[in-house]
Amino acid sequence: GIVSTWKSSDISRADIWSLAAMVGSEMTQAQHDFSLDYIGRIDCEDTGRECLDEDSNSRECRQDLGDARVLPDANLLVHEILDFFSDNFGFNAQETVALMGAHSIGTASQENSGFNGPVGWDNTNYFLDNDYYKMLIGGDPSKSDPEHLEDLIEFAPGWAQQTVVNGGSIPDRIQWTRGRTQDTARIISLNTDIGLARDLTGEIDSDGDVSCNFKNPAPRCPVASQTMDWMTTYRYDEEKFLEDFESVLKKMIIAGYDAETELTSVAPPLFST
């Protein structure tokens, strides 16, 4: 397979996964070249130590089993999502908002997650672009730049909560939906997405049900002041979004390493996507 083919060239499985992230990003847009800058990441089975399970008990590290990781919950509040990415990757608010733009591509499978999003988070789910931010941030359509906070709210698309009923081991989920003109499916947002534009602190219960509305009618959820400026920047400037997304993605795939001393720099075109 691909891993064994490249292993002799000091390219690890972890390097290949990192390359896949860059390839996927490049293939879904045409404005930026996403290159892999470093190789030398260590695979789980080659760390020379035991891994930890979700209870911090030791277990064997294998190629298909590393340390247990706690993924961010879909109901995290804005300060919690910022804390998660700060604690785990050293990201600031700008970098977190940029990385969340990855929801511009892909879909949500009810069978896998309990969320029902067969057409994804925006109207162009095959393209890495700033439509994700346009679905959450409004603006006076007669103007090219935002002038008033109220415009960012009043002209934003409308969102309504929906309960997704699941069975078996997957609990029911709360998601947000809005209409889509191309077909009968509806695009979705999770509470973490909505939370980048609206602060749901004190408005959300343990099941994810939110007591305020995204826009109308009242009561309207308050603005997420920690992230609203960057959400607005990316809504109006796709080039800036792609530039910052590339930067934070590269930062993410070297997290935990000192790139200059622990990894090996490689240059395009050999590892260009």
Protein backbone atom coordinates (compact mmCIF):
# COMPACT_ATOMS: atom_id res chain seq x y z
CA GLY A 1 0.00 0.00 0.00
CA ILE A 2 0.90 3.66 -0.05
CA VAL A 3 2.35 3.58 3.49
CA SER A 4 4.76 0.72 2.82
CA THR A 5 5.73 2.24 -0.52
CA TRP A 6 6.91 5.49 1.07
CA LYS A 7 8.14 4.16 4.44
CA SER A 8 11.62 3.52 3.03
CA SER A 9 11.80 7.20 2.07
CA ASP A 10 11.27 8.26 5.69
CA ILE A 11 7.71 9.33 4.98
CA SER A 12 5.44 8.12 7.76
CA ARG A 13 1.76 7.30 7.81
CA ALA A 14 1.25 10.52 9.78
CA ASP A 15 3.02 12.43 6.99
CA ILE A 16 0.70 10.85 4.42
CA TRP A 17 -2.39 11.87 6.41
CA SER A 18 -1.00 15.40 6.60
CA LEU A 19 -0.39 15.38 2.86
CA ALA A 20 -3.97 14.19 2.33
CA ALA A 21 -5.24 17.24 4.24
CA MET A 22 -3.24 19.52 1.96
CA VAL A 23 -4.35 17.68 -1.19
CA GLY A 24 -8.00 17.91 -0.17
CA SER A 25 -7.67 21.62 0.49
CA GLU A 26 -5.99 22.29 -2.83
CA MET A 27 -8.40 20.20 -4.89
CA THR A 28 -11.44 22.06 -3.60
CA GLN A 29 -10.28 25.54 -4.64
CA ALA A 30 -8.11 27.06 -7.36
CA GLN A 31 -6.57 30.13 -5.74
CA HIS A 32 -3.93 28.64 -3.44
CA ASP A 33 -1.30 25.91 -3.73
CA PHE A 34 -1.25 23.88 -0.53
CA SER A 35 2.15 22.21 -0.06
CA LEU A 36 3.45 19.86 2.59
CA ASP A 37 6.41 21.64 4.16
CA TYR A 38 7.71 19.01 6.60
CA ILE A 39 8.02 15.25 6.95
CA GLY A 40 9.22 13.11 9.85
CA ARG A 41 6.10 12.78 11.98
CA ILE A 42 6.22 9.67 14.16
CA ASP A 43 3.58 6.97 13.73
CA CYS A 44 1.82 5.63 16.83
CA GLU A 45 3.52 2.23 16.72
CA ASP A 46 6.96 3.86 16.44
CA THR A 47 6.79 6.17 19.45
CA GLY A 48 8.54 3.67 21.72
CA ARG A 49 5.99 4.14 24.49
CA GLU A 50 2.57 2.94 25.56
CA CYS A 51 -0.54 4.86 24.60
CA LEU A 52 -3.30 5.99 26.95
CA ASP A 53 -6.98 5.13 26.72
CA GLU A 54 -9.87 7.45 27.64
CA ASP A 55 -9.34 6.65 31.34
CA SER A 56 -5.58 7.34 31.14
CA ASN A 57 -4.80 3.63 31.42
CA SER A 58 -1.86 2.29 29.43
CA ARG A 59 -2.45 0.29 26.27
CA GLU A 60 -0.36 -0.85 23.32
CA CYS A 61 0.22 1.73 20.58
CA ARG A 62 -0.67 0.32 17.18
CA GLN A 63 -0.96 1.68 13.67
CA ASP A 64 -4.72 1.83 14.17
CA LEU A 65 -4.77 2.80 17.85
CA GLY A 66 -3.03 5.76 19.44
CA ASP A 67 -3.78 7.90 22.47
CA ALA A 68 -7.47 8.49 23.13
CA ARG A 69 -8.49 11.99 22.11
CA VAL A 70 -11.45 14.05 23.27
CA LEU A 71 -13.01 15.67 20.22
CA PRO A 72 -14.76 19.03 20.57
CA ASP A 73 -18.46 18.65 21.34
CA ALA A 74 -20.99 20.03 18.85
CA ASN A 75 -22.59 22.08 21.65
CA LEU A 76 -19.51 23.97 22.82
CA LEU A 77 -20.04 27.65 23.54
CA VAL A 78 -17.86 30.20 21.76
CA HIS A 79 -15.45 30.59 24.68
CA GLU A 80 -15.26 26.79 25.02
CA ILE A 81 -14.39 26.24 21.36
CA LEU A 82 -11.75 28.96 21.60
CA ASP A 83 -10.36 27.33 24.75
CA PHE A 84 -10.28 23.89 23.09
CA PHE A 85 -8.20 25.03 20.14
CA SER A 86 -6.01 27.22 22.32
CA ASP A 87 -5.29 24.40 24.79
CA ASN A 88 -4.73 21.69 22.15
CA PHE A 89 -3.09 23.59 19.30
CA GLY A 90 -2.14 27.03 20.60
CA PHE A 91 -4.61 28.75 18.26
CA ASN A 92 -5.90 32.26 18.85
CA ALA A 93 -9.43 33.43 17.99
CA GLN A 94 -8.51 34.36 14.42
CA GLU A 95 -6.94 30.96 13.74
CA THR A 96 -9.90 29.12 15.27
CA VAL A 97 -12.42 31.04 13.16
CA ALA A 98 -10.33 30.38 10.04
CA LEU A 99 -10.05 26.65 10.75
CA MET A 100 -13.81 26.35 11.29
CA GLY A 101 -14.15 27.37 7.65
CA ALA A 102 -13.26 23.75 6.87
CA HIS A 103 -17.01 23.22 7.27
CA SER A 104 -17.24 24.91 3.88
CA ILE A 105 -16.70 21.44 2.40
CA GLY A 106 -18.13 18.05 3.26
CA THR A 107 -21.36 16.72 4.72
CA ALA A 108 -22.71 15.28 7.98
CA SER A 109 -23.90 11.67 8.01
CA GLN A 110 -26.70 10.80 10.40
CA GLU A 111 -25.46 7.21 10.56
CA ASN A 112 -22.05 8.36 11.80
CA SER A 113 -22.75 11.42 13.93
CA GLY A 114 -26.50 11.68 14.43
CA PHE A 115 -26.54 15.00 12.53
CA ASN A 116 -28.41 15.00 9.24
CA GLY A 117 -26.57 17.17 6.73
CA PRO A 118 -26.40 15.40 3.34
CA VAL A 119 -25.61 18.67 1.51
CA GLY A 120 -23.32 20.12 4.17
CA TRP A 121 -22.98 23.51 5.79
CA ASP A 122 -23.32 25.88 2.83
CA ASN A 123 -24.46 26.13 -0.77
CA THR A 124 -21.08 25.18 -2.26
CA ASN A 125 -20.05 22.16 -0.23
CA TYR A 126 -17.65 20.86 -2.89
CA PHE A 127 -15.62 24.07 -2.77
CA LEU A 128 -13.38 25.50 -0.08
CA ASP A 129 -14.60 29.10 -0.08
CA ASN A 130 -16.10 31.71 2.22
CA ASP A 131 -19.73 30.68 1.71
CA TYR A 132 -19.64 29.14 5.20
CA TYR A 133 -19.26 32.64 6.64
CA LYS A 134 -21.89 34.09 4.31
CA MET A 135 -24.40 31.66 5.79
CA LEU A 136 -23.79 33.11 9.27
CA ILE A 137 -22.92 36.77 8.68
CA GLY A 138 -25.11 39.18 6.74
CA GLY A 139 -24.52 42.60 5.24
CA ASP A 140 -26.31 45.21 3.20
CA PRO A 141 -26.35 43.67 -0.31
CA SER A 142 -25.95 47.13 -1.85
CA LYS A 143 -22.56 47.60 -0.14
CA SER A 144 -19.29 45.73 -0.58
CA ASP A 145 -18.11 46.22 3.02
CA PRO A 146 -19.91 46.12 6.36
CA GLU A 147 -20.72 49.42 7.99
CA HIS A 148 -23.08 48.59 10.82
CA LEU A 149 -23.33 45.63 13.18
CA GLU A 150 -27.08 45.59 12.72
CA ASP A 151 -26.59 44.95 8.98
CA LEU A 152 -24.51 41.86 9.80
CA ILE A 153 -27.47 40.55 11.78
CA GLU A 154 -30.49 41.86 9.87
CA PHE A 155 -29.27 40.73 6.44
CA ALA A 156 -27.94 37.35 7.65
CA PRO A 157 -29.72 34.21 6.48
CA GLY A 158 -32.35 32.83 8.83
CA TRP A 159 -31.78 29.65 10.80
CA ALA A 160 -34.22 27.44 12.71
CA GLN A 161 -33.54 24.66 15.19
CA GLN A 162 -34.39 21.09 14.29
CA THR A 163 -34.36 17.90 16.35
CA VAL A 164 -32.86 14.90 14.58
CA VAL A 165 -34.36 11.71 15.99
CA ASN A 166 -31.84 8.86 16.15
CA GLY A 167 -31.94 5.32 17.42
CA GLY A 168 -29.58 2.84 18.98
CA SER A 169 -26.47 4.25 20.61
CA ILE A 170 -26.70 7.69 18.98
CA PRO A 171 -28.77 10.20 20.97
CA ASP A 172 -31.14 12.67 19.36
CA ARG A 173 -29.36 15.77 18.09
CA ILE A 174 -30.20 19.45 17.83
CA GLN A 175 -29.05 21.17 14.65
CA TRP A 176 -29.96 24.33 12.75
CA THR A 177 -31.31 24.30 9.19
CA ARG A 178 -32.20 26.71 6.43
CA GLY A 179 -33.65 26.36 2.93
CA ARG A 180 -31.67 25.57 -0.17
CA THR A 181 -32.82 26.51 -3.66
CA GLN A 182 -30.97 23.85 -5.66
CA ASP A 183 -32.85 20.86 -4.27
CA THR A 184 -35.06 19.75 -1.42
CA ALA A 185 -32.23 19.12 1.06
CA ARG A 186 -31.44 21.74 3.66
CA ILE A 187 -28.04 23.01 4.72
CA ILE A 188 -27.17 22.76 8.40
CA SER A 189 -25.22 24.41 11.17
CA LEU A 190 -24.28 22.94 14.52
CA ASN A 191 -24.40 24.91 17.74
CA THR A 192 -20.62 25.40 17.50
CA ASP A 193 -21.06 27.04 14.08
CA ILE A 194 -23.94 29.25 15.23
CA GLY A 195 -21.86 30.08 18.30
CA LEU A 196 -19.22 31.81 16.19
CA ALA A 197 -21.84 34.43 15.28
CA ARG A 198 -24.15 34.27 18.32
CA ASP A 199 -23.12 33.84 21.94
CA LEU A 200 -25.24 30.99 23.29
CA THR A 201 -23.93 31.30 26.86
CA GLY A 202 -26.84 30.79 29.24
CA GLU A 203 -29.14 29.99 26.31
CA ILE A 204 -28.40 26.30 25.75
CA ASP A 205 -29.42 23.23 27.77
CA SER A 206 -27.63 19.90 28.19
CA ASP A 207 -29.35 18.45 25.11
CA GLY A 208 -28.26 21.32 22.87
CA ASP A 209 -31.65 23.02 22.72
CA VAL A 210 -31.23 26.80 22.48
CA SER A 211 -33.75 29.22 24.02
CA CYS A 212 -33.01 32.22 21.76
CA ASN A 213 -33.31 32.70 17.99
CA PHE A 214 -30.59 33.32 15.45
CA LYS A 215 -32.36 36.35 14.01
CA ASN A 216 -36.16 36.61 14.24
CA PRO A 217 -38.48 36.52 16.07
CA ALA A 218 -37.36 37.76 19.48
CA PRO A 219 -35.63 36.86 21.69
CA ARG A 220 -32.56 37.07 19.47
CA CYS A 221 -29.32 35.47 20.60
CA PRO A 222 -26.63 38.03 21.49
CA VAL A 223 -23.69 38.60 19.17
CA ALA A 224 -20.54 36.52 19.73
CA SER A 225 -18.21 39.45 20.37
CA GLN A 226 -15.04 37.32 20.60
CA THR A 227 -15.32 36.04 17.04
CA MET A 228 -17.70 38.35 15.18
CA ASP A 229 -14.99 40.57 13.70
CA TRP A 230 -13.11 37.66 12.14
CA MET A 231 -16.32 36.01 10.95
CA THR A 232 -17.13 39.30 9.21
CA THR A 233 -13.64 39.62 7.72
CA TYR A 234 -13.83 36.20 6.11
CA ARG A 235 -17.42 36.73 4.97
CA TYR A 236 -16.27 39.73 2.92
CA ASP A 237 -12.75 38.59 1.92
CA GLU A 238 -12.39 35.09 0.50
CA GLU A 239 -8.70 35.55 -0.36
CA LYS A 240 -7.94 36.47 3.26
CA PHE A 241 -9.84 33.40 4.44
CA LEU A 242 -7.91 31.04 2.15
CA GLU A 243 -4.61 32.61 3.16
CA ASP A 244 -5.37 32.26 6.88
CA PHE A 245 -6.88 28.79 6.47
CA GLU A 246 -3.72 27.54 4.78
CA SER A 247 -1.60 29.04 7.55
CA VAL A 248 -3.58 27.53 10.41
CA LEU A 249 -3.89 24.13 8.71
CA LYS A 250 -0.11 24.00 8.35
CA LYS A 251 0.22 24.96 12.01
CA MET A 252 -2.19 22.18 12.99
CA ILE A 253 -0.35 19.39 11.16
CA ILE A 254 2.95 20.15 12.92
CA ALA A 255 1.37 20.54 16.37
CA GLY A 256 3.45 18.82 19.04
CA TYR A 257 6.71 19.12 17.07
CA ASP A 258 9.47 21.68 16.88
CA ALA A 259 9.47 21.81 13.09
CA GLU A 260 13.00 23.17 12.82
CA THR A 261 14.64 20.51 15.01
CA GLU A 262 12.30 17.50 14.95
CA LEU A 263 11.01 17.46 11.38
CA THR A 264 12.63 17.58 7.94
CA SER A 265 11.84 20.43 5.59
CA VAL A 266 10.85 19.46 2.05
CA ALA A 267 10.38 21.70 -0.94
CA PRO A 268 7.92 21.64 -3.83
CA PRO A 269 7.40 20.30 -6.39
CA LEU A 270 8.21 16.87 -4.90
CA PHE A 271 5.65 17.28 -2.14
CA SER A 272 3.42 19.86 -3.75
CA THR A 273 -0.19 18.76 -4.01
